[in-house]
Amino acid sequence: MIIHETLQQIGLSDRQTDIYLTLLKQGPGSIRDIATGAGLNRGTTYEELKTLRTRSLVSYFPKGKRKFFCAEPPEQLVKIAEEKQDVLARATNVLRQDILPDLSSVTPDSSITNVHHYEGDEGIEFVLKDILRTVETQSQKQYRVYSSKQIRKYLYRPFPNFTRQRVQKGISVNVIAIGDGGEDAPLAERKWIKTEDSGNTASYVAIYPPKCAMISLVHGDYPIAVLLNSDAIALVMQISFDTLWHRL
């Protein structure tokens, strides 16, 4: 139920939600009545009621020798959510203003290359989405690609809408295709390098400073990727690409 998922966000377990809903529906009741209505044993019900009381969602009153529990109005749930929101807002401010500068001061020099490895269709999808996320924020929405014939049928398998999303974001691409083939697409310009080698040339290299992504296949059909985050490397690869591009 959506109510359980929502109340989990403010710290209530499913059992606590069941107990609170039972009290709202049935009205004040003993532990036995509540346990029966919520489908729990009495020991668990008692422990959860204590927790609900600390959050001002449940109160009790004596009736003879027994305690009868009742639910506080649902507006208390909104109050709890607002209090949690305030706490998170304050924590965010502390992180941004105090903690983040301290952590940044002990972070290694950003000139050191960050290298990340990804595997399988999920990994390739992550890299393709990273290309779009990175390039769409840049003033010149363009990236460069080397792409071999052997990898093309695997490349967009996990992300078939990649080209459509690229075009929607106004991102252009220059492609140097290794081997024949390749489809025409909007905002894409393609040049070819002819090769007679039909062997282990399955590769895709995307250059989108400050990053470069390299995708290849192992065991013939299993994609792997390496993502480099380095201004220096990306710039050198971009210069090399552009030099070759103008000579083709």
Protein backbone atom coordinates (compact mmCIF):
# COMPACT_ATOMS: atom_id res chain seq x y z
CA MET A 1 0.00 0.00 0.00
CA ILE A 2 1.18 3.50 -0.75
CA ILE A 3 0.50 4.57 2.85
CA HIS A 4 3.03 2.04 4.15
CA GLU A 5 5.66 3.20 1.66
CA THR A 6 4.99 6.85 2.52
CA LEU A 7 5.12 6.37 6.28
CA GLN A 8 8.37 4.43 5.91
CA GLN A 9 9.86 7.71 4.69
CA ILE A 10 9.15 9.31 8.06
CA GLY A 11 10.48 6.37 10.03
CA LEU A 12 7.45 4.14 10.67
CA SER A 13 7.80 0.42 10.17
CA ASP A 14 5.05 -1.58 8.48
CA ARG A 15 4.06 -3.02 11.87
CA GLN A 16 3.76 0.42 13.40
CA THR A 17 1.66 1.58 10.47
CA ASP A 18 -0.61 -1.46 10.81
CA ILE A 19 -1.11 -0.74 14.52
CA TYR A 20 -1.79 2.94 13.93
CA LEU A 21 -4.31 2.17 11.17
CA THR A 22 -5.99 -0.42 13.38
CA LEU A 23 -6.44 2.15 16.14
CA LEU A 24 -7.82 4.70 13.69
CA LYS A 25 -10.35 2.21 12.35
CA GLN A 26 -11.34 0.45 15.57
CA GLY A 27 -10.97 3.28 18.04
CA PRO A 28 -9.48 2.85 21.53
CA GLY A 29 -8.64 -0.70 22.43
CA SER A 30 -6.67 -3.02 24.65
CA ILE A 31 -3.40 -4.58 23.59
CA ARG A 32 -5.25 -7.81 22.83
CA ASP A 33 -7.79 -6.02 20.62
CA ILE A 34 -5.07 -4.10 18.80
CA ALA A 35 -2.92 -7.20 18.28
CA THR A 36 -5.86 -9.09 16.82
CA GLY A 37 -6.80 -6.23 14.50
CA ALA A 38 -3.22 -5.74 13.29
CA GLY A 39 -2.48 -9.45 12.95
CA LEU A 40 0.41 -9.37 15.42
CA ASN A 41 1.23 -11.07 18.69
CA ARG A 42 0.72 -9.13 21.90
CA GLY A 43 4.42 -8.84 22.79
CA THR A 44 5.27 -7.25 19.46
CA THR A 45 2.21 -5.02 19.64
CA TYR A 46 3.18 -3.74 23.08
CA GLU A 47 6.73 -2.90 21.97
CA GLU A 48 5.52 -1.10 18.86
CA LEU A 49 2.94 0.84 20.88
CA LYS A 50 5.74 2.12 23.11
CA THR A 51 7.58 3.39 20.04
CA LEU A 52 4.44 5.01 18.66
CA ARG A 53 3.92 6.77 21.99
CA THR A 54 7.41 8.30 21.82
CA ARG A 55 6.43 9.79 18.48
CA SER A 56 3.16 11.16 19.87
CA LEU A 57 1.10 9.00 17.52
CA VAL A 58 -0.52 6.96 20.28
CA SER A 59 -1.70 7.75 23.79
CA TYR A 60 -3.39 5.62 26.45
CA PHE A 61 -5.75 5.88 29.36
CA PRO A 62 -6.50 3.46 32.20
CA LYS A 63 -9.75 1.55 32.15
CA GLY A 64 -10.09 -0.59 35.20
CA LYS A 65 -6.88 -2.57 35.52
CA ARG A 66 -6.02 -2.34 31.85
CA LYS A 67 -4.57 0.27 29.55
CA PHE A 68 -6.55 1.31 26.52
CA PHE A 69 -4.66 2.85 23.64
CA CYS A 70 -5.94 5.32 21.08
CA ALA A 71 -4.51 6.94 17.95
CA GLU A 72 -3.66 10.60 17.81
CA PRO A 73 -5.13 12.56 14.86
CA PRO A 74 -3.51 11.89 11.45
CA GLU A 75 -2.34 15.51 11.36
CA GLN A 76 0.44 14.35 13.68
CA LEU A 77 1.91 12.43 10.74
CA VAL A 78 2.24 15.66 8.78
CA LYS A 79 3.91 17.30 11.77
CA ILE A 80 6.44 14.46 11.97
CA ALA A 81 7.16 14.76 8.25
CA GLU A 82 7.67 18.52 8.56
CA GLU A 83 9.99 18.08 11.53
CA LYS A 84 12.04 15.54 9.59
CA GLN A 85 12.16 17.91 6.64
CA ASP A 86 13.47 20.67 8.90
CA VAL A 87 16.14 18.37 10.31
CA LEU A 88 17.24 17.35 6.81
CA ALA A 89 17.32 20.98 5.68
CA ARG A 90 19.55 21.92 8.61
CA ALA A 91 21.79 18.93 7.96
CA THR A 92 22.05 19.90 4.29
CA ASN A 93 23.13 23.41 5.24
CA VAL A 94 25.76 22.11 7.65
CA LEU A 95 27.05 19.72 4.99
CA ARG A 96 27.23 22.45 2.38
CA GLN A 97 28.70 25.20 4.55
CA ASP A 98 30.90 23.36 7.05
CA ILE A 99 31.53 19.72 6.25
CA LEU A 100 31.91 19.84 2.46
CA PRO A 101 34.75 22.40 2.54
CA ASP A 102 36.56 20.28 5.14
CA LEU A 103 36.13 17.11 3.08
CA SER A 104 37.19 18.89 -0.10
CA SER A 105 40.38 20.05 1.60
CA VAL A 106 41.46 16.45 2.21
CA THR A 107 40.41 15.18 -1.23
CA PRO A 108 43.32 14.31 -3.53
CA ASP A 109 44.16 16.72 -6.34
CA SER A 110 41.46 16.60 -9.00
CA SER A 111 44.18 16.39 -11.63
CA ILE A 112 44.61 12.74 -10.65
CA THR A 113 42.66 10.62 -13.09
CA ASN A 114 39.53 8.96 -11.74
CA VAL A 115 38.97 5.56 -13.34
CA HIS A 116 35.74 3.57 -13.08
CA HIS A 117 34.96 0.14 -14.51
CA TYR A 118 31.52 -1.10 -15.58
CA GLU A 119 30.26 -4.38 -16.94
CA GLY A 120 27.25 -5.78 -18.76
CA ASP A 121 24.27 -4.00 -20.25
CA GLU A 122 23.63 -2.03 -17.05
CA GLY A 123 27.18 -0.70 -17.08
CA ILE A 124 26.94 0.35 -20.73
CA GLU A 125 23.62 2.05 -20.09
CA PHE A 126 25.20 4.00 -17.22
CA VAL A 127 28.04 5.19 -19.46
CA LEU A 128 25.68 6.24 -22.26
CA LYS A 129 23.53 8.17 -19.80
CA ASP A 130 26.65 9.79 -18.36
CA ILE A 131 27.53 11.06 -21.83
CA LEU A 132 24.13 12.75 -22.14
CA ARG A 133 24.21 14.12 -18.58
CA THR A 134 27.67 15.58 -19.01
CA VAL A 135 27.36 17.04 -22.50
CA GLU A 136 23.92 18.61 -22.05
CA THR A 137 25.33 20.94 -19.36
CA GLN A 138 28.12 22.23 -21.58
CA SER A 139 28.01 25.38 -23.71
CA GLN A 140 29.01 23.40 -26.79
CA LYS A 141 26.76 20.37 -26.78
CA GLN A 142 28.95 18.08 -28.81
CA TYR A 143 31.06 14.99 -28.26
CA ARG A 144 33.27 12.77 -30.41
CA VAL A 145 33.22 9.04 -31.00
CA TYR A 146 35.32 6.27 -32.49
CA SER A 147 33.05 3.33 -33.24
CA SER A 148 33.84 -0.01 -34.85
CA LYS A 149 31.43 -2.08 -36.89
CA GLN A 150 31.65 -5.10 -34.59
CA ILE A 151 30.30 -3.36 -31.49
CA ARG A 152 27.37 -1.45 -32.95
CA LYS A 153 24.70 -4.10 -32.46
CA TYR A 154 25.61 -4.41 -28.76
CA LEU A 155 26.09 -0.75 -27.95
CA TYR A 156 22.52 0.52 -27.76
CA ARG A 157 20.94 -2.77 -26.74
CA PRO A 158 20.45 -1.62 -23.12
CA PHE A 159 19.49 1.93 -24.13
CA PRO A 160 17.54 1.80 -27.43
CA ASN A 161 16.26 5.38 -27.03
CA PHE A 162 19.75 6.86 -26.71
CA THR A 163 19.77 8.60 -30.10
CA ARG A 164 16.28 10.00 -29.65
CA GLN A 165 17.18 11.42 -26.23
CA ARG A 166 20.44 12.82 -27.60
CA VAL A 167 18.57 14.68 -30.33
CA GLN A 168 15.92 15.92 -27.89
CA LYS A 169 18.68 17.42 -25.76
CA GLY A 170 20.22 19.13 -28.79
CA ILE A 171 23.47 17.18 -28.53
CA SER A 172 25.50 16.65 -31.69
CA VAL A 173 28.16 14.04 -32.31
CA ASN A 174 31.04 13.53 -34.73
CA VAL A 175 31.70 9.86 -35.41
CA ILE A 176 34.75 8.25 -36.95
CA ALA A 177 33.48 4.83 -37.95
CA ILE A 178 36.02 2.04 -38.18
CA GLY A 179 34.72 -0.25 -40.88
CA ASP A 180 31.72 0.22 -43.11
CA GLY A 181 28.12 0.66 -42.07
CA GLY A 182 26.52 2.86 -39.47
CA GLU A 183 23.18 4.60 -39.61
CA ASP A 184 22.54 8.23 -40.43
CA ALA A 185 20.97 10.15 -37.54
CA PRO A 186 20.01 13.76 -36.80
CA LEU A 187 22.73 15.99 -35.31
CA ALA A 188 25.35 13.42 -36.27
CA GLU A 189 28.18 13.63 -38.78
CA ARG A 190 30.09 10.52 -39.74
CA LYS A 191 33.39 9.78 -41.45
CA TRP A 192 34.90 6.38 -42.14
CA ILE A 193 38.21 4.60 -41.79
CA LYS A 194 38.30 1.56 -44.04
CA THR A 195 39.82 -1.57 -42.60
CA GLU A 196 40.23 -5.14 -43.77
CA ASP A 197 40.55 -6.40 -40.20
CA SER A 198 37.34 -8.10 -39.11
CA GLY A 199 38.82 -9.61 -35.98
CA ASN A 200 38.97 -8.28 -32.43
CA THR A 201 38.20 -4.64 -33.19
CA ALA A 202 34.93 -4.32 -31.28
CA SER A 203 35.34 -0.98 -29.56
CA TYR A 204 33.65 2.34 -28.89
CA VAL A 205 35.46 5.40 -27.58
CA ALA A 206 33.51 8.49 -26.55
CA ILE A 207 35.39 11.74 -25.93
CA TYR A 208 33.43 14.30 -23.93
CA PRO A 209 35.80 16.42 -21.82
CA PRO A 210 36.56 16.15 -19.01
CA LYS A 211 35.73 12.48 -19.59
CA CYS A 212 36.48 9.65 -21.97
CA ALA A 213 34.63 6.35 -22.09
CA MET A 214 35.94 3.17 -23.71
CA ILE A 215 33.63 0.24 -24.38
CA SER A 216 34.68 -3.15 -25.72
CA LEU A 217 33.55 -6.77 -25.74
CA VAL A 218 34.96 -9.79 -23.94
CA HIS A 219 34.12 -13.37 -24.84
CA GLY A 220 32.63 -12.06 -28.04
CA ASP A 221 29.45 -10.50 -26.71
CA TYR A 222 29.87 -9.30 -23.10
CA PRO A 223 30.35 -5.52 -22.91
CA ILE A 224 32.74 -3.86 -20.50
CA ALA A 225 33.52 -0.17 -20.09
CA VAL A 226 36.19 2.05 -18.59
CA LEU A 227 35.30 5.65 -17.73
CA LEU A 228 38.16 8.12 -17.29
CA ASN A 229 37.64 11.50 -15.68
CA SER A 230 40.68 13.56 -16.62
CA ASP A 231 40.84 16.96 -18.29
CA ALA A 232 44.33 16.29 -19.61
CA ILE A 233 43.60 12.90 -21.16
CA ALA A 234 40.27 14.04 -22.61
CA LEU A 235 41.87 17.13 -24.17
CA VAL A 236 44.67 15.12 -25.81
CA MET A 237 42.17 12.63 -27.20
CA GLN A 238 39.96 15.44 -28.47
CA ILE A 239 42.90 17.11 -30.25
CA SER A 240 43.92 13.79 -31.80
CA PHE A 241 40.37 13.11 -32.94
CA ASP A 242 39.91 16.57 -34.47
CA THR A 243 43.24 16.32 -36.30
CA LEU A 244 42.25 12.98 -37.84
CA TRP A 245 38.73 14.21 -38.53
CA HIS A 246 39.94 17.09 -40.69
CA ARG A 247 42.21 14.77 -42.67
CA LEU A 248 39.51 12.26 -43.57
